[in-house]
N, C-alpha and C. Protein backbone atom coordinates (compact mmCIF):
# COMPACT_ATOMS: atom_id res chain seq x y z
N MET A 1 73.59 104.95 89.43
CA MET A 1 74.83 104.31 89.69
C MET A 1 75.90 104.88 88.78
N GLN A 2 77.05 105.09 89.29
CA GLN A 2 78.20 105.58 88.58
C GLN A 2 79.27 104.52 88.47
N THR A 3 79.83 104.30 87.30
CA THR A 3 80.91 103.32 87.15
C THR A 3 82.10 103.98 86.46
N TYR A 4 83.27 103.60 86.90
CA TYR A 4 84.53 104.08 86.31
C TYR A 4 85.66 103.16 86.71
N GLY A 5 86.83 103.43 86.19
CA GLY A 5 87.97 102.63 86.51
C GLY A 5 89.02 103.43 87.28
N VAL A 6 89.84 102.71 88.05
CA VAL A 6 90.94 103.33 88.77
C VAL A 6 92.12 102.40 88.61
N THR A 7 93.26 103.00 88.29
CA THR A 7 94.52 102.26 88.25
C THR A 7 95.48 102.82 89.26
N LEU A 8 96.23 101.92 89.93
CA LEU A 8 97.14 102.35 90.99
C LEU A 8 98.58 102.24 90.51
N PHE A 9 99.43 103.01 91.11
CA PHE A 9 100.85 103.05 90.69
C PHE A 9 101.78 102.84 91.89
N TYR A 10 103.05 102.54 91.59
CA TYR A 10 104.03 102.35 92.64
C TYR A 10 104.67 103.65 93.13
N SER A 11 104.51 104.72 92.30
CA SER A 11 105.12 105.98 92.70
C SER A 11 104.28 107.16 92.13
N THR A 12 104.45 108.27 92.75
CA THR A 12 103.80 109.50 92.24
C THR A 12 104.28 109.83 90.85
N HIS A 13 105.56 109.64 90.61
CA HIS A 13 106.13 109.91 89.32
C HIS A 13 105.47 109.06 88.22
N GLU A 14 105.23 107.80 88.47
CA GLU A 14 104.54 106.93 87.50
C GLU A 14 103.12 107.38 87.28
N ALA A 15 102.42 107.76 88.35
CA ALA A 15 101.03 108.25 88.20
C ALA A 15 100.98 109.53 87.30
N MET A 16 101.88 110.43 87.58
CA MET A 16 101.90 111.68 86.79
C MET A 16 102.29 111.41 85.32
N LYS A 17 103.22 110.49 85.13
CA LYS A 17 103.63 110.14 83.77
C LYS A 17 102.46 109.50 83.02
N ALA A 18 101.73 108.63 83.72
CA ALA A 18 100.55 107.98 83.08
C ALA A 18 99.50 108.98 82.72
N GLU A 19 99.24 109.93 83.61
CA GLU A 19 98.26 110.97 83.29
C GLU A 19 98.66 111.81 82.10
N LYS A 20 99.89 112.19 82.04
CA LYS A 20 100.43 112.99 80.88
C LYS A 20 100.26 112.21 79.57
N LEU A 21 100.64 110.92 79.56
CA LEU A 21 100.55 110.17 78.35
C LEU A 21 99.10 109.97 77.92
N ALA A 22 98.23 109.66 78.92
CA ALA A 22 96.84 109.43 78.60
C ALA A 22 96.15 110.71 78.07
N LYS A 23 96.48 111.85 78.65
CA LYS A 23 95.90 113.10 78.16
C LYS A 23 96.36 113.43 76.79
N GLU A 24 97.66 113.19 76.50
CA GLU A 24 98.18 113.41 75.15
C GLU A 24 97.45 112.53 74.14
N ALA A 25 97.05 111.34 74.58
CA ALA A 25 96.29 110.41 73.68
C ALA A 25 94.79 110.73 73.71
N GLN A 26 94.44 111.82 74.35
CA GLN A 26 93.06 112.33 74.44
C GLN A 26 92.09 111.39 75.19
N LEU A 27 92.64 110.63 76.18
CA LEU A 27 91.77 109.80 77.01
C LEU A 27 91.28 110.66 78.16
N LYS A 28 90.09 110.34 78.62
CA LYS A 28 89.48 111.10 79.74
C LYS A 28 89.96 110.50 81.07
N VAL A 29 91.01 111.12 81.60
CA VAL A 29 91.63 110.61 82.87
C VAL A 29 91.88 111.80 83.78
N ARG A 30 92.04 111.48 85.07
CA ARG A 30 92.51 112.52 86.00
C ARG A 30 93.11 111.83 87.22
N ILE A 31 94.08 112.53 87.81
CA ILE A 31 94.71 112.04 89.03
C ILE A 31 93.72 112.19 90.21
N ILE A 32 93.63 111.16 91.05
CA ILE A 32 92.82 111.25 92.26
C ILE A 32 93.61 110.67 93.39
N PRO A 33 93.23 110.99 94.64
CA PRO A 33 93.87 110.33 95.78
C PRO A 33 93.50 108.82 95.72
N THR A 34 94.44 107.96 96.03
CA THR A 34 94.13 106.54 96.08
C THR A 34 93.06 106.29 97.10
N PRO A 35 91.94 105.57 96.73
CA PRO A 35 90.84 105.36 97.68
C PRO A 35 91.38 104.59 98.89
N GLU A 36 90.79 104.94 100.04
CA GLU A 36 91.23 104.34 101.31
C GLU A 36 91.03 102.80 101.34
N LYS A 37 89.99 102.33 100.66
CA LYS A 37 89.68 100.92 100.66
C LYS A 37 90.69 100.07 99.86
N ILE A 38 91.51 100.77 99.06
CA ILE A 38 92.54 100.06 98.26
C ILE A 38 93.89 100.44 98.83
N HIS A 39 94.72 99.46 99.08
CA HIS A 39 96.09 99.72 99.59
C HIS A 39 97.05 99.71 98.46
N ALA A 40 97.86 100.77 98.34
CA ALA A 40 98.79 100.91 97.30
C ALA A 40 100.06 101.60 97.80
N SER A 41 101.14 101.47 97.02
CA SER A 41 102.41 102.09 97.41
C SER A 41 102.35 103.62 97.25
N CYS A 42 101.51 104.09 96.34
CA CYS A 42 101.45 105.52 96.05
C CYS A 42 100.08 106.10 96.49
N GLY A 43 100.14 107.32 96.85
CA GLY A 43 98.90 108.00 97.31
C GLY A 43 98.04 108.57 96.19
N PHE A 44 98.51 108.39 94.94
CA PHE A 44 97.77 108.90 93.81
C PHE A 44 97.43 107.77 92.87
N SER A 45 96.23 107.86 92.30
CA SER A 45 95.75 106.89 91.28
C SER A 45 95.22 107.65 90.09
N LEU A 46 94.92 106.92 89.05
CA LEU A 46 94.39 107.50 87.84
C LEU A 46 92.98 106.99 87.64
N LYS A 47 92.03 107.95 87.54
CA LYS A 47 90.62 107.61 87.30
C LYS A 47 90.41 107.68 85.82
N PHE A 48 89.69 106.66 85.27
CA PHE A 48 89.46 106.66 83.83
C PHE A 48 88.06 106.12 83.47
N GLU A 49 87.65 106.36 82.25
CA GLU A 49 86.40 105.87 81.72
C GLU A 49 86.55 104.38 81.41
N LEU A 50 85.61 103.52 81.79
CA LEU A 50 85.74 102.09 81.56
C LEU A 50 85.87 101.79 80.05
N GLU A 51 85.20 102.59 79.22
CA GLU A 51 85.27 102.34 77.76
C GLU A 51 86.69 102.52 77.20
N GLU A 52 87.56 103.24 77.95
CA GLU A 52 88.89 103.53 77.47
C GLU A 52 89.93 102.65 78.13
N GLU A 53 89.53 101.66 78.91
CA GLU A 53 90.47 100.84 79.65
C GLU A 53 91.48 100.11 78.78
N GLY A 54 90.99 99.52 77.67
CA GLY A 54 91.89 98.85 76.78
C GLY A 54 92.95 99.73 76.18
N GLN A 55 92.56 100.91 75.81
CA GLN A 55 93.53 101.88 75.23
C GLN A 55 94.50 102.29 76.29
N LEU A 56 94.04 102.54 77.51
CA LEU A 56 94.93 102.97 78.60
C LEU A 56 95.92 101.85 78.94
N ARG A 57 95.45 100.65 79.05
CA ARG A 57 96.38 99.54 79.37
C ARG A 57 97.47 99.44 78.28
N LYS A 58 97.08 99.53 77.04
CA LYS A 58 98.04 99.39 75.92
C LYS A 58 99.04 100.52 75.98
N LEU A 59 98.52 101.76 76.19
CA LEU A 59 99.40 102.91 76.27
C LEU A 59 100.42 102.79 77.39
N LEU A 60 100.01 102.38 78.56
CA LEU A 60 100.90 102.23 79.68
C LEU A 60 101.91 101.12 79.46
N GLN A 61 101.45 100.02 78.83
CA GLN A 61 102.38 98.92 78.53
C GLN A 61 103.43 99.34 77.54
N GLU A 62 103.03 100.02 76.49
CA GLU A 62 103.98 100.52 75.48
C GLU A 62 105.00 101.48 76.06
N ALA A 63 104.56 102.30 77.03
CA ALA A 63 105.45 103.30 77.63
C ALA A 63 106.21 102.74 78.82
N GLU A 64 105.97 101.46 79.09
CA GLU A 64 106.62 100.78 80.27
C GLU A 64 106.33 101.49 81.56
N VAL A 65 105.12 101.94 81.74
CA VAL A 65 104.63 102.53 83.00
C VAL A 65 103.98 101.38 83.78
N LYS A 66 104.53 101.07 84.95
CA LYS A 66 104.04 99.94 85.74
C LYS A 66 102.88 100.36 86.58
N SER A 67 101.83 99.57 86.52
CA SER A 67 100.63 99.78 87.32
C SER A 67 100.56 98.69 88.41
N GLU A 68 100.02 99.03 89.60
CA GLU A 68 99.83 98.10 90.63
C GLU A 68 98.54 97.31 90.45
N GLY A 69 97.67 97.78 89.63
CA GLY A 69 96.44 97.10 89.37
C GLY A 69 95.33 97.99 88.76
N PHE A 70 94.38 97.39 88.12
CA PHE A 70 93.27 98.10 87.56
C PHE A 70 92.01 97.66 88.30
N TYR A 71 91.19 98.60 88.72
CA TYR A 71 89.95 98.34 89.45
C TYR A 71 88.76 98.89 88.71
N HIS A 72 87.67 98.19 88.78
CA HIS A 72 86.36 98.68 88.30
C HIS A 72 85.66 99.14 89.52
N VAL A 73 85.05 100.34 89.47
CA VAL A 73 84.39 100.94 90.61
C VAL A 73 82.94 101.12 90.33
N LYS A 74 82.11 100.73 91.29
CA LYS A 74 80.65 100.96 91.20
C LYS A 74 80.28 101.83 92.42
N ARG A 75 79.67 102.96 92.10
CA ARG A 75 79.30 103.91 93.20
C ARG A 75 77.80 104.09 93.15
N GLU A 76 77.14 103.81 94.23
CA GLU A 76 75.69 103.96 94.32
C GLU A 76 75.36 104.61 95.67
N GLY A 77 74.96 105.89 95.59
CA GLY A 77 74.74 106.60 96.81
C GLY A 77 76.03 106.77 97.59
N LEU A 78 76.04 106.38 98.82
CA LEU A 78 77.26 106.43 99.67
C LEU A 78 78.10 105.18 99.60
N LYS A 79 77.60 104.15 98.93
CA LYS A 79 78.31 102.87 98.83
C LYS A 79 79.19 102.80 97.57
N THR A 80 80.43 102.44 97.78
CA THR A 80 81.37 102.30 96.67
C THR A 80 82.04 100.95 96.76
N ASP A 81 81.98 100.19 95.65
CA ASP A 81 82.62 98.85 95.56
C ASP A 81 83.75 98.90 94.58
N TYR A 82 84.85 98.23 94.94
CA TYR A 82 86.05 98.17 94.10
C TYR A 82 86.31 96.71 93.75
N GLU A 83 86.48 96.42 92.47
CA GLU A 83 86.75 95.07 91.99
C GLU A 83 88.08 95.05 91.21
N LEU A 84 89.03 94.33 91.76
CA LEU A 84 90.37 94.18 91.07
C LEU A 84 90.12 93.38 89.76
N ARG A 85 90.61 93.91 88.63
CA ARG A 85 90.42 93.26 87.32
C ARG A 85 91.73 92.61 86.93
N GLU A 86 91.77 91.35 86.98
CA GLU A 86 92.97 90.61 86.54
C GLU A 86 92.72 89.91 85.21
N ASP A 87 91.49 89.91 84.76
CA ASP A 87 91.14 89.15 83.55
C ASP A 87 91.37 89.86 82.23
N LEU A 88 91.73 91.16 82.28
CA LEU A 88 91.88 91.91 81.03
C LEU A 88 93.32 91.98 80.60
């Protein structure tokens, strides 16, 4: 089973800005197409390591980069589940 996080953005500009900031902070992130099962304003999302979620949230908040939501993803074989995280 593979687990990771995905955060969505309102615009491509915000997604790219978030990626740049996170990489400068040496977080393991990368831009991915927004998964089809998740509806968002932007076609790009940021994939991240779950262990770094707190750091990423803080970084985006401090830089005033607006996110549409953070998801935890569980991938097992061909099945992928997305859970919106509102509790963090």
